[in-house]
Amino acid sequence: MRLRVEFTTEPFDLDEAPTHAVVAREVIQGAALDAVDVGPFGNTAEGGADEVLTAVDALLRKSLAAGATRVSLQVNVVREGEER
């Protein structure tokens, strides 16, 4: 099974990326995922179920430890043949 995760961390800072946002992006970029897209207002990654769930666990733990007060995420099953 393939999964897609979309997430943001808060609080926002429009002047520079907060530590929790940087940590969250580093977790996702360093995970064994593909189709990673990071941006200022949202991040998306896709991969196998085990890899995505492992990355989400690390993302939550590390971004909260780095000062995030809220993490919003959505996980979707990617159906075979579905467009990214």
PDB file of N, CA and C in Angstrom:
ATOM      1  N   MET A   1       0.843  -1.179   0.000  1.00  0.00           N
ATOM      2  CA  MET A   1       0.000   0.000   0.000  1.00  0.00           C
ATOM      3  C   MET A   1       0.887   1.242   0.000  1.00  0.00           C
ATOM      4  N   ARG A   2       0.468   2.222  -0.791  1.00  0.00           N
ATOM      5  CA  ARG A   2       1.166   3.512  -0.819  1.00  0.00           C
ATOM      6  C   ARG A   2       0.311   4.550  -0.105  1.00  0.00           C
ATOM      7  N   LEU A   3       1.008   5.463   0.585  1.00  0.00           N
ATOM      8  CA  LEU A   3       0.326   6.535   1.307  1.00  0.00           C
ATOM      9  C   LEU A   3       0.901   7.879   0.897  1.00  0.00           C
ATOM     10  N   ARG A   4       0.062   8.901   1.000  1.00  0.00           N
ATOM     11  CA  ARG A   4       0.495  10.285   0.798  1.00  0.00           C
ATOM     12  C   ARG A   4       0.196  11.045   2.080  1.00  0.00           C
ATOM     13  N   VAL A   5       1.184  11.788   2.579  1.00  0.00           N
ATOM     14  CA  VAL A   5       0.983  12.607   3.767  1.00  0.00           C
ATOM     15  C   VAL A   5       1.154  14.073   3.381  1.00  0.00           C
ATOM     16  N   GLU A   6       0.256  14.890   3.897  1.00  0.00           N
ATOM     17  CA  GLU A   6       0.346  16.342   3.744  1.00  0.00           C
ATOM     18  C   GLU A   6       0.355  16.913   5.148  1.00  0.00           C
ATOM     19  N   PHE A   7       1.258  17.869   5.423  1.00  0.00           N
ATOM     20  CA  PHE A   7       1.334  18.388   6.782  1.00  0.00           C
ATOM     21  C   PHE A   7       1.808  19.835   6.828  1.00  0.00           C
ATOM     22  N   THR A   8       1.451  20.496   7.918  1.00  0.00           N
ATOM     23  CA  THR A   8       1.968  21.821   8.275  1.00  0.00           C
ATOM     24  C   THR A   8       2.215  21.823   9.777  1.00  0.00           C
ATOM     25  N   THR A   9       3.131  22.690  10.196  1.00  0.00           N
ATOM     26  CA  THR A   9       3.397  22.870  11.620  1.00  0.00           C
ATOM     27  C   THR A   9       3.141  24.329  11.970  1.00  0.00           C
ATOM     28  N   GLU A  10       2.771  24.551  13.213  1.00  0.00           N
ATOM     29  CA  GLU A  10       2.493  25.910  13.682  1.00  0.00           C
ATOM     30  C   GLU A  10       3.205  26.127  15.006  1.00  0.00           C
ATOM     31  N   PRO A  11       3.477  27.327  15.398  1.00  0.00           N
ATOM     32  CA  PRO A  11       3.017  28.594  14.839  1.00  0.00           C
ATOM     33  C   PRO A  11       3.819  28.992  13.596  1.00  0.00           C
ATOM     34  N   PHE A  12       3.166  29.763  12.734  1.00  0.00           N
ATOM     35  CA  PHE A  12       3.787  30.270  11.524  1.00  0.00           C
ATOM     36  C   PHE A  12       4.658  31.474  11.844  1.00  0.00           C
ATOM     37  N   ASP A  13       5.679  31.666  11.052  1.00  0.00           N
ATOM     38  CA  ASP A  13       6.496  32.869  11.094  1.00  0.00           C
ATOM     39  C   ASP A  13       6.805  33.213   9.647  1.00  0.00           C
ATOM     40  N   LEU A  14       6.262  34.315   9.163  1.00  0.00           N
ATOM     41  CA  LEU A  14       6.431  34.672   7.755  1.00  0.00           C
ATOM     42  C   LEU A  14       7.812  35.242   7.447  1.00  0.00           C
ATOM     43  N   ASP A  15       8.566  35.655   8.465  1.00  0.00           N
ATOM     44  CA  ASP A  15       9.883  36.234   8.226  1.00  0.00           C
ATOM     45  C   ASP A  15      10.967  35.180   8.036  1.00  0.00           C
ATOM     46  N   GLU A  16      10.919  34.102   8.828  1.00  0.00           N
ATOM     47  CA  GLU A  16      11.871  33.009   8.650  1.00  0.00           C
ATOM     48  C   GLU A  16      11.242  31.720   9.156  1.00  0.00           C
ATOM     49  N   ALA A  17      11.727  30.616   8.616  1.00  0.00           N
ATOM     50  CA  ALA A  17      11.157  29.321   9.002  1.00  0.00           C
ATOM     51  C   ALA A  17      11.485  29.020  10.463  1.00  0.00           C
ATOM     52  N   PRO A  18      10.478  28.718  11.286  1.00  0.00           N
ATOM     53  CA  PRO A  18      10.733  28.369  12.676  1.00  0.00           C
ATOM     54  C   PRO A  18      11.466  27.024  12.772  1.00  0.00           C
ATOM     55  N   THR A  19      12.129  26.823  13.891  1.00  0.00           N
ATOM     56  CA  THR A  19      12.901  25.591  14.088  1.00  0.00           C
ATOM     57  C   THR A  19      12.046  24.356  13.879  1.00  0.00           C
ATOM     58  N   HIS A  20      10.815  24.341  14.396  1.00  0.00           N
ATOM     59  CA  HIS A  20       9.966  23.159  14.259  1.00  0.00           C
ATOM     60  C   HIS A  20       9.641  22.846  12.806  1.00  0.00           C
ATOM     61  N   ALA A  21       9.498  23.877  11.983  1.00  0.00           N
ATOM     62  CA  ALA A  21       9.216  23.661  10.561  1.00  0.00           C
ATOM     63  C   ALA A  21      10.442  23.092   9.852  1.00  0.00           C
ATOM     64  N   VAL A  22      11.609  23.604  10.201  1.00  0.00           N
ATOM     65  CA  VAL A  22      12.855  23.100   9.605  1.00  0.00           C
ATOM     66  C   VAL A  22      13.059  21.636   9.991  1.00  0.00           C
ATOM     67  N   VAL A  23      12.835  21.322  11.252  1.00  0.00           N
ATOM     68  CA  VAL A  23      12.985  19.947  11.733  1.00  0.00           C
ATOM     69  C   VAL A  23      12.024  19.018  11.004  1.00  0.00           C
ATOM     70  N   ALA A  24      10.779  19.424  10.861  1.00  0.00           N
ATOM     71  CA  ALA A  24       9.778  18.599  10.177  1.00  0.00           C
ATOM     72  C   ALA A  24      10.189  18.335   8.733  1.00  0.00           C
ATOM     73  N   ARG A  25      10.656  19.351   8.052  1.00  0.00           N
ATOM     74  CA  ARG A  25      11.092  19.179   6.655  1.00  0.00           C
ATOM     75  C   ARG A  25      12.303  18.265   6.566  1.00  0.00           C
ATOM     76  N   GLU A  26      13.240  18.404   7.502  1.00  0.00           N
ATOM     77  CA  GLU A  26      14.429  17.548   7.497  1.00  0.00           C
ATOM     78  C   GLU A  26      14.046  16.083   7.709  1.00  0.00           C
ATOM     79  N   VAL A  27      13.090  15.839   8.585  1.00  0.00           N
ATOM     80  CA  VAL A  27      12.623  14.468   8.819  1.00  0.00           C
ATOM     81  C   VAL A  27      12.073  13.881   7.528  1.00  0.00           C
ATOM     82  N   ILE A  28      11.205  14.617   6.859  1.00  0.00           N
ATOM     83  CA  ILE A  28      10.577  14.117   5.638  1.00  0.00           C
ATOM     84  C   ILE A  28      11.589  13.968   4.512  1.00  0.00           C
ATOM     85  N   GLN A  29      12.468  14.938   4.363  1.00  0.00           N
ATOM     86  CA  GLN A  29      13.459  14.857   3.293  1.00  0.00           C
ATOM     87  C   GLN A  29      14.467  13.733   3.540  1.00  0.00           C
ATOM     88  N   GLY A  30      14.719  13.386   4.797  1.00  0.00           N
ATOM     89  CA  GLY A  30      15.662  12.332   5.124  1.00  0.00           C
ATOM     90  C   GLY A  30      15.048  10.948   5.180  1.00  0.00           C
ATOM     91  N   ALA A  31      13.733  10.868   5.096  1.00  0.00           N
ATOM     92  CA  ALA A  31      13.050   9.574   5.154  1.00  0.00           C
ATOM     93  C   ALA A  31      13.130   8.870   3.804  1.00  0.00           C
ATOM     94  N   ALA A  32      12.870   7.575   3.834  1.00  0.00           N
ATOM     95  CA  ALA A  32      12.904   6.768   2.610  1.00  0.00           C
ATOM     96  C   ALA A  32      11.579   6.921   1.863  1.00  0.00           C
ATOM     97  N   LEU A  33      11.294   8.161   1.441  1.00  0.00           N
ATOM     98  CA  LEU A  33      10.054   8.477   0.732  1.00  0.00           C
ATOM     99  C   LEU A  33      10.372   9.009  -0.649  1.00  0.00           C
ATOM    100  N   ASP A  34       9.371   9.011  -1.515  1.00  0.00           N
ATOM    101  CA  ASP A  34       9.546   9.620  -2.827  1.00  0.00           C
ATOM    102  C   ASP A  34       8.468  10.679  -3.011  1.00  0.00           C
ATOM    103  N   ALA A  35       8.573  11.435  -4.055  1.00  0.00           N
ATOM    104  CA  ALA A  35       7.603  12.495  -4.358  1.00  0.00           C
ATOM    105  C   ALA A  35       7.489  13.491  -3.216  1.00  0.00           C
ATOM    106  N   VAL A  36       8.624  13.862  -2.622  1.00  0.00           N
ATOM    107  CA  VAL A  36       8.629  14.836  -1.529  1.00  0.00           C
ATOM    108  C   VAL A  36       8.556  16.239  -2.111  1.00  0.00           C
ATOM    109  N   ASP A  37       7.619  17.039  -1.586  1.00  0.00           N
ATOM    110  CA  ASP A  37       7.463  18.429  -2.017  1.00  0.00           C
ATOM    111  C   ASP A  37       7.320  19.283  -0.764  1.00  0.00           C
ATOM    112  N   VAL A  38       8.315  20.115  -0.486  1.00  0.00           N
ATOM    113  CA  VAL A  38       8.246  20.992   0.685  1.00  0.00           C
ATOM    114  C   VAL A  38       8.024  22.421   0.230  1.00  0.00           C
ATOM    115  N   GLY A  39       7.226  23.148   0.991  1.00  0.00           N
ATOM    116  CA  GLY A  39       6.923  24.526   0.653  1.00  0.00           C
ATOM    117  C   GLY A  39       6.662  25.340   1.901  1.00  0.00           C
ATOM    118  N   PRO A  40       6.482  26.642   1.750  1.00  0.00           N
ATOM    119  CA  PRO A  40       6.313  27.506   2.916  1.00  0.00           C
ATOM    120  C   PRO A  40       4.991  27.308   3.663  1.00  0.00           C
ATOM    121  N   PHE A  41       3.968  26.810   2.987  1.00  0.00           N
ATOM    122  CA  PHE A  41       2.656  26.683   3.634  1.00  0.00           C
ATOM    123  C   PHE A  41       2.134  25.253   3.686  1.00  0.00           C
ATOM    124  N   GLY A  42       2.919  24.309   3.223  1.00  0.00           N
ATOM    125  CA  GLY A  42       2.496  22.920   3.273  1.00  0.00           C
ATOM    126  C   GLY A  42       3.539  22.023   2.655  1.00  0.00           C
ATOM    127  N   ASN A  43       3.520  20.783   3.067  1.00  0.00           N
ATOM    128  CA  ASN A  43       4.504  19.808   2.618  1.00  0.00           C
ATOM    129  C   ASN A  43       3.782  18.518   2.286  1.00  0.00           C
ATOM    130  N   THR A  44       4.270  17.818   1.275  1.00  0.00           N
ATOM    131  CA  THR A  44       3.655  16.576   0.842  1.00  0.00           C
ATOM    132  C   THR A  44       4.748  15.548   0.574  1.00  0.00           C
ATOM    133  N   ALA A  45       4.476  14.301   0.924  1.00  0.00           N
ATOM    134  CA  ALA A  45       5.392  13.220   0.603  1.00  0.00           C
ATOM    135  C   ALA A  45       4.580  11.957   0.374  1.00  0.00           C
ATOM    136  N   GLU A  46       5.176  11.050  -0.370  1.00  0.00           N
ATOM    137  CA  GLU A  46       4.492   9.813  -0.719  1.00  0.00           C
ATOM    138  C   GLU A  46       5.481   8.667  -0.639  1.00  0.00           C
ATOM    139  N   GLY A  47       4.979   7.498  -0.290  1.00  0.00           N
ATOM    140  CA  GLY A  47       5.833   6.316  -0.242  1.00  0.00           C
ATOM    141  C   GLY A  47       5.056   5.122   0.260  1.00  0.00           C
ATOM    142  N   GLY A  48       5.793   4.050   0.538  1.00  0.00           N
ATOM    143  CA  GLY A  48       5.179   2.849   1.084  1.00  0.00           C
ATOM    144  C   GLY A  48       4.601   3.135   2.463  1.00  0.00           C
ATOM    145  N   ALA A  49       3.608   2.347   2.853  1.00  0.00           N
ATOM    146  CA  ALA A  49       2.901   2.585   4.117  1.00  0.00           C
ATOM    147  C   ALA A  49       3.854   2.577   5.305  1.00  0.00           C
ATOM    148  N   ASP A  50       4.721   1.589   5.402  1.00  0.00           N
ATOM    149  CA  ASP A  50       5.639   1.523   6.546  1.00  0.00           C
ATOM    150  C   ASP A  50       6.550   2.742   6.601  1.00  0.00           C
ATOM    151  N   GLU A  51       7.058   3.150   5.461  1.00  0.00           N
ATOM    152  CA  GLU A  51       7.966   4.298   5.418  1.00  0.00           C
ATOM    153  C   GLU A  51       7.250   5.593   5.782  1.00  0.00           C
ATOM    154  N   VAL A  52       6.036   5.785   5.273  1.00  0.00           N
ATOM    155  CA  VAL A  52       5.278   7.002   5.584  1.00  0.00           C
ATOM    156  C   VAL A  52       4.913   7.036   7.069  1.00  0.00           C
ATOM    157  N   LEU A  53       4.435   5.922   7.602  1.00  0.00           N
ATOM    158  CA  LEU A  53       4.036   5.903   9.011  1.00  0.00           C
ATOM    159  C   LEU A  53       5.236   6.096   9.942  1.00  0.00           C
ATOM    160  N   THR A  54       6.381   5.542   9.588  1.00  0.00           N
ATOM    161  CA  THR A  54       7.601   5.761  10.375  1.00  0.00           C
ATOM    162  C   THR A  54       7.998   7.230  10.324  1.00  0.00           C
ATOM    163  N   ALA A  55       7.916   7.831   9.135  1.00  0.00           N
ATOM    164  CA  ALA A  55       8.268   9.243   8.984  1.00  0.00           C
ATOM    165  C   ALA A  55       7.290  10.138   9.750  1.00  0.00           C
ATOM    166  N   VAL A  56       6.008   9.819   9.737  1.00  0.00           N
ATOM    167  CA  VAL A  56       5.008  10.609  10.456  1.00  0.00           C
ATOM    168  C   VAL A  56       5.270  10.550  11.961  1.00  0.00           C
ATOM    169  N   ASP A  57       5.607   9.381  12.475  1.00  0.00           N
ATOM    170  CA  ASP A  57       5.934   9.250  13.892  1.00  0.00           C
ATOM    171  C   ASP A  57       7.111  10.162  14.254  1.00  0.00           C
ATOM    172  N   ALA A  58       8.170  10.103  13.468  1.00  0.00           N
ATOM    173  CA  ALA A  58       9.348  10.947  13.727  1.00  0.00           C
ATOM    174  C   ALA A  58       9.017  12.420  13.558  1.00  0.00           C
ATOM    175  N   LEU A  59       8.232  12.737  12.539  1.00  0.00           N
ATOM    176  CA  LEU A  59       7.818  14.117  12.290  1.00  0.00           C
ATOM    177  C   LEU A  59       7.084  14.690  13.493  1.00  0.00           C
ATOM    178  N   LEU A  60       6.123  13.958  14.025  1.00  0.00           N
ATOM    179  CA  LEU A  60       5.357  14.442  15.178  1.00  0.00           C
ATOM    180  C   LEU A  60       6.243  14.611  16.400  1.00  0.00           C
ATOM    181  N   ARG A  61       7.014  13.606  16.715  1.00  0.00           N
ATOM    182  CA  ARG A  61       7.851  13.649  17.913  1.00  0.00           C
ATOM    183  C   ARG A  61       8.884  14.778  17.848  1.00  0.00           C
ATOM    184  N   LYS A  62       9.555  14.892  16.707  1.00  0.00           N
ATOM    185  CA  LYS A  62      10.652  15.859  16.604  1.00  0.00           C
ATOM    186  C   LYS A  62      10.155  17.292  16.443  1.00  0.00           C
ATOM    187  N   SER A  63       9.089  17.504  15.693  1.00  0.00           N
ATOM    188  CA  SER A  63       8.598  18.878  15.516  1.00  0.00           C
ATOM    189  C   SER A  63       7.963  19.404  16.807  1.00  0.00           C
ATOM    190  N   LEU A  64       7.258  18.550  17.545  1.00  0.00           N
ATOM    191  CA  LEU A  64       6.709  18.984  18.832  1.00  0.00           C
ATOM    192  C   LEU A  64       7.831  19.283  19.822  1.00  0.00           C
ATOM    193  N   ALA A  65       8.862  18.467  19.836  1.00  0.00           N
ATOM    194  CA  ALA A  65      10.010  18.711  20.716  1.00  0.00           C
ATOM    195  C   ALA A  65      10.748  19.993  20.335  1.00  0.00           C
ATOM    196  N   ALA A  66      10.642  20.389  19.061  1.00  0.00           N
ATOM    197  CA  ALA A  66      11.322  21.592  18.576  1.00  0.00           C
ATOM    198  C   ALA A  66      10.458  22.842  18.699  1.00  0.00           C
ATOM    199  N   GLY A  67       9.287  22.730  19.348  1.00  0.00           N
ATOM    200  CA  GLY A  67       8.487  23.921  19.609  1.00  0.00           C
ATOM    201  C   GLY A  67       7.179  24.057  18.863  1.00  0.00           C
ATOM    202  N   ALA A  68       6.816  23.097  18.034  1.00  0.00           N
ATOM    203  CA  ALA A  68       5.518  23.185  17.359  1.00  0.00           C
ATOM    204  C   ALA A  68       4.406  23.113  18.398  1.00  0.00           C
ATOM    205  N   THR A  69       3.409  23.954  18.227  1.00  0.00           N
ATOM    206  CA  THR A  69       2.251  23.920  19.121  1.00  0.00           C
ATOM    207  C   THR A  69       1.068  23.228  18.460  1.00  0.00           C
ATOM    208  N   ARG A  70       1.206  22.983  17.157  1.00  0.00           N
ATOM    209  CA  ARG A  70       0.156  22.291  16.414  1.00  0.00           C
ATOM    210  C   ARG A  70       0.775  21.687  15.166  1.00  0.00           C
ATOM    211  N   VAL A  71       0.390  20.460  14.869  1.00  0.00           N
ATOM    212  CA  VAL A  71       0.787  19.809  13.621  1.00  0.00           C
ATOM    213  C   VAL A  71      -0.492  19.317  12.967  1.00  0.00           C
ATOM    214  N   SER A  72      -0.757  19.817  11.782  1.00  0.00           N
ATOM    215  CA  SER A  72      -1.927  19.372  11.032  1.00  0.00           C
ATOM    216  C   SER A  72      -1.444  18.430   9.945  1.00  0.00           C
ATOM    217  N   LEU A  73      -2.055  17.259   9.879  1.00  0.00           N
ATOM    218  CA  LEU A  73      -1.645  16.340   8.826  1.00  0.00           C
ATOM    219  C   LEU A  73      -2.818  15.539   8.326  1.00  0.00           C
ATOM    220  N   GLN A  74      -2.647  15.100   7.110  1.00  0.00           N
ATOM    221  CA  GLN A  74      -3.648  14.275   6.453  1.00  0.00           C
ATOM    222  C   GLN A  74      -2.900  13.148   5.778  1.00  0.00           C
ATOM    223  N   VAL A  75      -3.378  11.930   5.952  1.00  0.00           N
ATOM    224  CA  VAL A  75      -2.780  10.762   5.313  1.00  0.00           C
ATOM    225  C   VAL A  75      -3.835  10.127   4.420  1.00  0.00           C
ATOM    226  N   ASN A  76      -3.472   9.914   3.161  1.00  0.00           N
ATOM    227  CA  ASN A  76      -4.396   9.307   2.198  1.00  0.00           C
ATOM    228  C   ASN A  76      -3.764   8.071   1.585  1.00  0.00           C
ATOM    229  N   VAL A  77      -4.605   7.083   1.299  1.00  0.00           N
ATOM    230  CA  VAL A  77      -4.174   5.922   0.537  1.00  0.00           C
ATOM    231  C   VAL A  77      -4.110   6.331  -0.927  1.00  0.00           C
ATOM    232  N   VAL A  78      -3.007   5.987  -1.578  1.00  0.00           N
ATOM    233  CA  VAL A  78      -2.853   6.273  -3.001  1.00  0.00           C
ATOM    234  C   VAL A  78      -3.267   5.024  -3.766  1.00  0.00           C
ATOM    235  N   ARG A  79      -4.310   5.148  -4.519  1.00  0.00           N
ATOM    236  CA  ARG A  79      -4.821   4.016  -5.294  1.00  0.00           C
ATOM    237  C   ARG A  79      -3.928   3.785  -6.514  1.00  0.00           C
ATOM    238  N   GLU A  80      -3.820   2.544  -6.932  1.00  0.00           N
ATOM    239  CA  GLU A  80      -3.010   2.215  -8.099  1.00  0.00           C
ATOM    240  C   GLU A  80      -3.510   2.974  -9.305  1.00  0.00           C
ATOM    241  N   GLY A  81      -2.606   3.612 -10.008  1.00  0.00           N
ATOM    242  CA  GLY A  81      -2.950   4.388 -11.187  1.00  0.00           C
ATOM    243  C   GLY A  81      -3.432   5.790 -10.904  1.00  0.00           C
ATOM    244  N   GLU A  82      -3.486   6.191  -9.635  1.00  0.00           N
ATOM    245  CA  GLU A  82      -3.950   7.525  -9.257  1.00  0.00           C
ATOM    246  C   GLU A  82      -2.861   8.555  -9.546  1.00  0.00           C
ATOM    247  N   GLU A  83      -3.270   9.697 -10.047  1.00  0.00           N
ATOM    248  CA  GLU A  83      -2.339  10.803 -10.293  1.00  0.00           C
ATOM    249  C   GLU A  83      -1.847  11.354  -8.976  1.00  0.00           C
ATOM    250  N   ARG A  84      -0.608  11.801  -8.956  1.00  0.00           N
ATOM    251  CA  ARG A  84      -0.044  12.414  -7.738  1.00  0.00           C
ATOM    252  C   ARG A  84      -0.486  13.796  -7.584  1.00  0.00           C
TER     253      ARG A  84
END
